[in-house]
Amino acid sequence: MIHVQNIAKSYGSIRALHDVSFDIQPGEIVGLLGPNGAGKSTAIKIITGFLHPDEGLVEIEGKNVLSDLHAVQATIGYLSENTPLYPELSVQSYLTMMAELRAIPSADLVPLLSDAVYGTGLQEYLTRPIASLSKGLRQRVGLAQAILHKPRFLILDEPTVGLDPTQIVEIRALIQSLARESTILFSSHILSEVEAICDRVIIIINGELRADQSLSELSKSNDATLVLEWDSDEIEGALESLEGIARVQPMRSADDYPAYRIVSGADITPRVFALAKDRNWPLRELRRDSVTLETFFNQLATTA
């Protein structure tokens, strides 16, 4: 559905993006991550047609974003990080104006407005001037305009900025429900939000694509932790002798028992268990470690 091929963009001597490629399939919720200044916003502006790449192309449903700009933009809902609103307008007037700008037929206006307003929890604020709303409510107004026309592609840049915890949960549920009809690209600095909402993450660092990873695959790790009742001088050496072990790191468990972190390129737990049984080690726990998105992201960021 969304095809990004070898896009590059520079601002003078500053390289914002270099040779970035990825695809997003129908119904996916994909997180776009990166440190400040990594090139995320530049990538989003290129995908939405607001910025021309120096090289590469973007296609949405087979249409080139540059040559079929208006047709492509009609299928996109876009919430920018700092949503441009008209503070003197009421919520209802603003959303009605946005519907007119999108050429929504009058017969469809009321049901579409109703879905957007109730979906974002704005029904009690329709007559309020946007200037009088809190930052969180203004963010919801921005999201309402983005989903007003039932877009097939929804691009959200920091959609939960300024929201309180209850509102974040509500917007999270809304975004997940929108995935039934829309393909979603979701940019956020809040890694827990991305982990809770997204199927996959794309990580850009220093303008380069550093990872394109399914979250379900990311959580799987071949490293393991072994916790014993008591320690022995032979244990570390015996573990290191197993084929496939890259490193053994002695440590203490959370409840202060001797433990070993075992780094391996494949699942080593069956052989570790067999070794512990053969040597009569007093086993308390043997588990495969999981990798969080935060750990994965920090590893990439610190090696950039």
Protein backbone atom coordinates (compact mmCIF):
# COMPACT_ATOMS: atom_id res chain seq x y z
CA MET A 1 0.00 0.00 0.00
CA ILE A 2 2.79 2.45 0.92
CA HIS A 3 6.06 1.97 -0.96
CA VAL A 4 9.06 4.13 -0.05
CA GLN A 5 12.10 3.57 -2.25
CA ASN A 6 15.59 5.02 -1.70
CA ILE A 7 14.44 8.47 -0.60
CA ALA A 8 17.07 11.06 0.28
CA LYS A 9 16.84 14.68 1.39
CA SER A 10 19.40 17.29 2.37
CA TYR A 11 19.08 20.84 3.64
CA GLY A 12 22.24 22.46 2.35
CA SER A 13 25.13 20.55 3.90
CA ILE A 14 22.85 18.79 6.40
CA ARG A 15 21.75 15.32 5.31
CA ALA A 16 18.29 14.65 6.73
CA LEU A 17 17.63 11.31 4.97
CA HIS A 18 19.83 8.94 2.99
CA ASP A 19 18.67 5.94 0.95
CA VAL A 20 15.63 5.08 3.10
CA SER A 21 13.33 2.31 1.83
CA PHE A 22 10.40 0.43 3.39
CA ASP A 23 6.90 -0.86 2.61
CA ILE A 24 3.77 -0.69 4.75
CA GLN A 25 1.04 -3.26 4.11
CA PRO A 26 -2.76 -2.75 4.36
CA GLY A 27 -4.08 -2.76 7.94
CA GLU A 28 -0.66 -2.42 9.59
CA ILE A 29 0.06 -0.01 12.42
CA VAL A 30 3.73 0.90 12.00
CA GLY A 31 5.74 2.96 14.47
CA LEU A 32 8.29 5.42 13.11
CA LEU A 33 11.01 6.02 15.69
CA GLY A 34 14.22 7.96 16.00
CA PRO A 35 15.97 10.54 18.19
CA ASN A 36 15.29 14.26 17.70
CA GLY A 37 16.70 15.35 14.36
CA ALA A 38 16.88 11.79 13.03
CA GLY A 39 14.78 12.54 9.92
CA LYS A 40 11.35 11.25 11.00
CA SER A 41 9.44 14.46 10.25
CA THR A 42 11.24 14.84 6.91
CA ALA A 43 10.20 11.29 5.97
CA ILE A 44 6.58 12.00 6.93
CA LYS A 45 6.50 15.24 4.91
CA ILE A 46 7.87 13.41 1.87
CA ILE A 47 5.31 10.59 2.22
CA THR A 48 2.45 13.09 2.48
CA GLY A 49 3.69 15.13 -0.46
CA PHE A 50 4.46 18.29 1.47
CA LEU A 51 8.18 17.96 0.69
CA HIS A 52 9.98 16.75 -2.44
CA PRO A 53 12.82 14.24 -1.98
CA ASP A 54 16.16 14.90 -3.63
CA GLU A 55 16.18 11.26 -4.72
CA GLY A 56 13.85 8.27 -4.62
CA LEU A 57 10.11 7.90 -4.86
CA VAL A 58 7.02 7.25 -2.77
CA GLU A 59 4.00 5.36 -4.09
CA ILE A 60 0.65 4.92 -2.35
CA GLU A 61 -1.67 2.34 -3.89
CA GLY A 62 0.57 2.40 -6.94
CA LYS A 63 0.24 6.18 -7.40
CA ASN A 64 3.34 8.35 -7.36
CA VAL A 65 2.96 10.94 -4.60
CA LEU A 66 4.60 13.67 -6.70
CA SER A 67 2.80 13.11 -9.99
CA ASP A 68 -0.62 12.20 -8.48
CA LEU A 69 -0.41 14.49 -5.45
CA HIS A 70 -4.06 15.51 -5.09
CA ALA A 71 -5.40 11.98 -5.65
CA VAL A 72 -2.97 10.60 -3.07
CA GLN A 73 -3.60 13.31 -0.49
CA ALA A 74 -7.35 12.67 -0.71
CA THR A 75 -6.71 9.20 0.74
CA ILE A 76 -4.50 10.42 3.61
CA GLY A 77 -5.42 11.67 7.07
CA TYR A 78 -2.54 13.60 8.62
CA LEU A 79 -2.01 14.83 12.17
CA SER A 80 1.17 16.89 12.40
CA GLU A 81 3.09 17.28 15.64
CA ASN A 82 1.99 20.90 15.99
CA THR A 83 -1.48 20.84 14.47
CA PRO A 84 -2.35 24.15 12.77
CA LEU A 85 -5.77 25.11 14.11
CA TYR A 86 -7.88 28.28 13.86
CA PRO A 87 -8.25 29.43 17.48
CA GLU A 88 -11.09 31.85 16.79
CA LEU A 89 -13.34 29.11 15.39
CA SER A 90 -15.49 26.79 17.43
CA VAL A 91 -14.74 23.06 17.24
CA GLN A 92 -17.84 22.49 15.12
CA SER A 93 -17.05 25.38 12.75
CA TYR A 94 -13.49 24.19 12.29
CA LEU A 95 -14.45 20.58 11.54
CA THR A 96 -17.21 21.74 9.18
CA MET A 97 -14.71 23.94 7.35
CA MET A 98 -12.28 21.00 7.06
CA ALA A 99 -15.08 18.84 5.66
CA GLU A 100 -15.81 21.49 3.03
CA LEU A 101 -12.13 21.76 2.11
CA ARG A 102 -12.09 18.00 1.62
CA ALA A 103 -15.19 18.28 -0.60
CA ILE A 104 -17.20 15.88 1.56
CA PRO A 105 -20.72 15.62 0.06
CA SER A 106 -23.42 17.30 2.16
CA ALA A 107 -25.30 14.00 2.44
CA ASP A 108 -22.29 12.45 4.20
CA LEU A 109 -21.36 15.45 6.34
CA VAL A 110 -23.46 14.79 9.45
CA PRO A 111 -22.61 11.09 9.92
CA LEU A 112 -18.90 11.69 9.25
CA LEU A 113 -18.77 14.65 11.65
CA SER A 114 -20.59 12.61 14.27
CA ASP A 115 -18.18 9.67 13.96
CA ALA A 116 -15.12 11.94 14.23
CA VAL A 117 -16.51 13.94 17.16
CA TYR A 118 -17.66 10.95 19.22
CA GLY A 119 -14.57 8.95 18.29
CA THR A 120 -12.33 11.64 19.78
CA GLY A 121 -14.61 12.53 22.71
CA LEU A 122 -15.32 16.11 21.61
CA GLN A 123 -19.11 16.05 21.80
CA GLU A 124 -19.20 18.31 24.87
CA TYR A 125 -16.94 20.94 23.30
CA LEU A 126 -18.51 21.58 19.88
CA THR A 127 -19.52 25.18 20.61
CA ARG A 128 -16.33 26.08 22.47
CA PRO A 129 -13.74 28.28 20.71
CA ILE A 130 -10.58 26.31 19.99
CA ALA A 131 -8.57 29.02 21.77
CA SER A 132 -10.30 28.13 25.05
CA LEU A 133 -9.38 24.44 24.90
CA SER A 134 -6.54 22.74 26.73
CA LYS A 135 -3.59 21.41 24.76
CA GLY A 136 -4.94 17.89 25.06
CA LEU A 137 -8.35 18.88 23.71
CA ARG A 138 -6.76 20.78 20.82
CA GLN A 139 -4.83 17.61 20.02
CA ARG A 140 -8.11 15.72 19.85
CA VAL A 141 -9.52 18.36 17.49
CA GLY A 142 -6.51 17.78 15.25
CA LEU A 143 -7.09 14.03 15.32
CA ALA A 144 -10.79 14.52 14.55
CA GLN A 145 -9.96 16.44 11.35
CA ALA A 146 -7.47 13.75 10.37
CA ILE A 147 -10.08 10.97 10.53
CA LEU A 148 -13.04 13.03 9.32
CA HIS A 149 -13.04 11.67 5.76
CA LYS A 150 -12.41 8.02 6.76
CA PRO A 151 -8.91 7.95 5.21
CA ARG A 152 -7.36 4.72 4.00
CA PHE A 153 -3.98 5.97 5.25
CA LEU A 154 -3.54 7.71 8.57
CA ILE A 155 -0.25 9.39 9.44
CA LEU A 156 0.05 10.52 13.05
CA ASP A 157 3.01 12.55 14.30
CA GLU A 158 3.10 12.49 18.13
CA PRO A 159 -0.70 12.08 18.48
CA THR A 160 -0.71 11.72 22.29
CA VAL A 161 1.37 14.82 23.09
CA GLY A 162 -0.29 16.81 25.87
CA LEU A 163 -2.90 14.20 26.73
CA ASP A 164 -3.52 12.97 30.25
CA PRO A 165 -3.27 9.20 31.00
CA THR A 166 -7.01 8.62 30.56
CA GLN A 167 -7.06 10.44 27.22
CA ILE A 168 -3.98 8.50 26.07
CA VAL A 169 -5.77 5.20 26.72
CA GLU A 170 -8.83 6.48 24.81
CA ILE A 171 -6.77 7.68 21.83
CA ARG A 172 -4.83 4.40 21.84
CA ALA A 173 -8.08 2.44 21.61
CA LEU A 174 -9.31 4.77 18.85
CA ILE A 175 -6.13 4.31 16.81
CA GLN A 176 -6.35 0.54 17.14
CA SER A 177 -9.99 0.61 16.00
CA LEU A 178 -9.09 2.82 13.03
CA ALA A 179 -6.66 0.14 11.83
CA ARG A 180 -9.68 -1.91 10.74
CA GLU A 181 -10.21 0.64 7.95
CA SER A 182 -6.90 2.52 7.70
CA THR A 183 -3.21 1.76 7.33
CA ILE A 184 -1.44 3.76 10.06
CA LEU A 185 2.04 5.25 10.34
CA PHE A 186 2.53 6.37 13.93
CA SER A 187 5.45 8.52 15.08
CA SER A 188 6.11 8.97 18.78
CA HIS A 189 8.88 9.53 21.32
CA ILE A 190 6.94 7.47 23.86
CA LEU A 191 8.27 3.94 23.31
CA SER A 192 5.64 2.34 25.55
CA GLU A 193 2.92 3.85 23.34
CA VAL A 194 4.54 2.45 20.21
CA GLU A 195 4.93 -0.95 21.88
CA ALA A 196 1.26 -0.95 22.92
CA ILE A 197 -0.15 0.16 19.57
CA CYS A 198 2.11 -0.91 16.71
CA ASP A 199 2.67 -4.17 14.85
CA ARG A 200 6.08 -3.13 13.57
CA VAL A 201 8.71 -0.45 14.06
CA ILE A 202 10.87 1.45 11.59
CA ILE A 203 13.83 3.18 13.24
CA ILE A 204 15.69 6.05 11.57
CA ILE A 205 18.92 7.34 13.11
CA ASN A 206 21.09 10.05 11.56
CA GLY A 207 18.93 9.96 8.45
CA GLU A 208 19.47 6.26 7.80
CA LEU A 209 17.15 3.29 8.21
CA ARG A 210 18.61 1.29 11.08
CA ALA A 211 15.83 -1.23 11.73
CA ASP A 212 12.57 -2.50 10.25
CA GLN A 213 11.37 -5.02 12.81
CA SER A 214 8.17 -6.82 13.77
CA LEU A 215 7.49 -6.25 17.47
CA SER A 216 6.49 -9.88 17.92
CA GLU A 217 9.86 -10.98 16.52
CA LEU A 218 11.71 -8.32 18.48
CA SER A 219 10.46 -9.69 21.79
CA LYS A 220 12.11 -13.04 21.07
CA SER A 221 15.68 -13.40 22.29
CA ASN A 222 18.14 -16.27 22.26
CA ASP A 223 19.89 -15.02 25.40
CA ALA A 224 19.08 -16.82 28.64
CA THR A 225 19.37 -16.35 32.39
CA LEU A 226 20.32 -19.18 34.76
CA VAL A 227 19.67 -18.76 38.51
CA LEU A 228 21.08 -21.27 41.06
CA GLU A 229 20.71 -21.91 44.78
CA TRP A 230 24.47 -21.73 45.28
CA ASP A 231 27.53 -21.03 43.18
CA SER A 232 30.52 -23.14 42.15
CA ASP A 233 33.86 -22.41 40.47
CA GLU A 234 33.08 -24.90 37.70
CA ILE A 235 29.80 -23.36 36.51
CA GLU A 236 31.03 -20.46 34.38
CA GLY A 237 33.60 -22.59 32.57
CA ALA A 238 31.11 -25.41 31.97
CA LEU A 239 28.61 -22.99 30.44
CA GLU A 240 31.27 -21.42 28.21
CA SER A 241 32.20 -24.88 26.91
CA LEU A 242 28.74 -25.36 25.38
CA GLU A 243 28.67 -24.95 21.60
CA GLY A 244 27.03 -21.70 20.46
CA ILE A 245 27.71 -19.73 23.65
CA ALA A 246 29.12 -16.29 22.83
CA ARG A 247 29.52 -14.99 26.39
CA VAL A 248 28.69 -15.90 30.00
CA GLN A 249 28.20 -13.04 32.44
CA PRO A 250 28.07 -13.82 36.19
CA MET A 251 25.66 -11.63 38.18
CA ARG A 252 23.14 -11.74 41.06
CA SER A 253 19.40 -12.31 40.71
CA ALA A 254 16.82 -9.84 42.05
CA ASP A 255 16.54 -11.94 45.24
CA ASP A 256 20.35 -12.15 45.52
CA TYR A 257 20.98 -15.68 44.24
CA PRO A 258 23.96 -16.47 41.98
CA ALA A 259 22.97 -16.07 38.35
CA TYR A 260 24.47 -16.13 34.85
CA ARG A 261 23.40 -14.27 31.74
CA ILE A 262 24.14 -16.46 28.74
CA VAL A 263 24.51 -14.75 25.36
CA SER A 264 23.95 -17.02 22.36
CA GLY A 265 23.01 -16.91 18.69
CA ALA A 266 20.39 -19.65 19.12
CA ASP A 267 18.05 -20.92 21.84
CA ILE A 268 20.47 -22.52 24.29
CA THR A 269 18.08 -23.28 27.15
CA PRO A 270 17.59 -27.03 26.41
CA ARG A 271 21.34 -27.65 26.51
CA VAL A 272 21.81 -25.49 29.61
CA PHE A 273 19.06 -27.46 31.35
CA ALA A 274 20.63 -30.77 30.33
CA LEU A 275 24.02 -29.58 31.60
CA ALA A 276 22.55 -28.40 34.93
CA LYS A 277 20.77 -31.76 35.36
CA ASP A 278 23.92 -33.73 34.49
CA ARG A 279 26.08 -31.72 36.93
CA ASN A 280 23.41 -31.69 39.68
CA TRP A 281 23.40 -27.90 39.86
CA PRO A 282 20.73 -26.57 42.27
CA LEU A 283 18.52 -24.94 39.66
CA ARG A 284 16.12 -22.17 40.75
CA GLU A 285 15.28 -20.66 37.37
CA LEU A 286 16.16 -20.94 33.69
CA ARG A 287 14.50 -18.57 31.24
CA ARG A 288 14.92 -17.04 27.81
CA ASP A 289 15.36 -13.29 28.09
CA SER A 290 13.04 -10.88 26.32
CA VAL A 291 14.09 -7.73 24.49
CA THR A 292 12.03 -4.60 25.06
CA LEU A 293 11.63 -1.92 22.43
CA GLU A 294 13.43 0.50 24.76
CA THR A 295 16.46 -1.82 25.03
CA PHE A 296 16.55 -2.41 21.28
CA PHE A 297 16.20 1.30 20.48
CA ASN A 298 18.91 2.32 22.97
CA GLN A 299 21.32 -0.27 21.56
CA LEU A 300 20.88 1.20 18.08
CA ALA A 301 21.08 4.80 19.28
CA THR A 302 24.27 4.28 21.26
CA THR A 303 26.02 2.54 18.36
CA ALA A 304 24.99 5.14 15.77
